[in-house]
């Protein structure tokens, strides 16, 4: 994160932003994981495979 306190040096401005960031970090820890890109691609592959199988069943 860049040092935005140079722009606004008021803790009242940053408190809600830090609260939101903390909430996101707790609620969605996966998106902050180092291997997120690989996990996302694996999920996409699983989804493509599953939807491909469904399309084959509907065609058949």
Protein backbone atom coordinates (compact mmCIF):
# COMPACT_ATOMS: atom_id res chain seq x y z
CA UNK A 1 0.00 0.00 0.00
CA UNK A 2 1.28 3.47 -0.77
CA UNK A 3 1.71 6.07 1.93
CA UNK A 4 -1.48 8.05 1.40
CA UNK A 5 -1.08 9.81 4.73
CA UNK A 6 0.94 12.36 2.79
CA UNK A 7 -2.34 13.40 1.15
CA UNK A 8 -4.60 13.27 4.18
CA UNK A 9 -3.05 13.26 7.63
CA UNK A 10 -6.25 12.78 9.61
CA UNK A 11 -6.81 9.53 11.54
CA UNK A 12 -10.58 10.05 11.32
CA UNK A 13 -10.35 9.69 7.54
CA UNK A 14 -8.26 6.52 7.67
CA UNK A 15 -10.11 4.72 10.49
CA UNK A 16 -13.03 3.51 8.31
CA UNK A 17 -10.67 2.53 5.51
CA UNK A 18 -8.55 0.45 7.88
CA UNK A 19 -11.70 -1.12 9.35
CA UNK A 20 -12.92 -2.11 5.88
CA UNK A 21 -9.49 -3.46 4.97
CA UNK A 22 -9.40 -5.51 8.18
CA UNK A 23 -12.90 -6.84 7.57
CA UNK A 24 -12.01 -7.88 4.03
CA UNK A 25 -8.80 -9.49 5.23
CA UNK A 26 -10.78 -11.59 7.73
CA UNK A 27 -13.79 -12.32 5.51
CA UNK A 28 -11.90 -13.02 2.29
CA UNK A 29 -8.45 -14.24 3.31
CA UNK A 30 -8.11 -16.31 0.15
CA UNK A 31 -7.73 -13.32 -2.13
CA UNK A 32 -4.73 -12.17 -0.12
CA UNK A 33 -2.98 -15.56 -0.26
CA UNK A 34 0.26 -15.82 -2.21
CA UNK A 35 -1.11 -18.73 -4.26
CA UNK A 36 -4.44 -17.04 -5.06
CA UNK A 37 -3.83 -16.93 -8.83
CA UNK A 38 -3.14 -20.67 -8.97
CA UNK A 39 -6.17 -21.48 -6.80
CA UNK A 40 -8.38 -19.25 -8.95
CA UNK A 41 -7.18 -20.94 -12.14
CA UNK A 42 -7.80 -24.38 -10.63
CA UNK A 43 -11.35 -23.33 -9.70
CA UNK A 44 -11.92 -22.02 -13.22
CA UNK A 45 -10.67 -25.31 -14.64
CA UNK A 46 -13.04 -27.27 -12.39
CA UNK A 47 -15.92 -25.03 -13.45
CA UNK A 48 -15.10 -25.41 -17.15
CA UNK A 49 -14.88 -29.17 -16.71
CA UNK A 50 -18.18 -29.33 -14.85
CA UNK A 51 -20.02 -27.09 -17.31
CA UNK A 52 -18.48 -28.96 -20.23
CA UNK A 53 -19.83 -32.21 -18.79
CA UNK A 54 -23.26 -30.65 -18.38
CA UNK A 55 -23.24 -29.41 -21.96
CA UNK A 56 -22.34 -32.92 -23.19
CA UNK A 57 -25.19 -34.42 -21.17
CA UNK A 58 -27.65 -31.91 -22.60
CA UNK A 59 -26.45 -32.56 -26.17
CA UNK A 60 -26.62 -36.34 -25.69
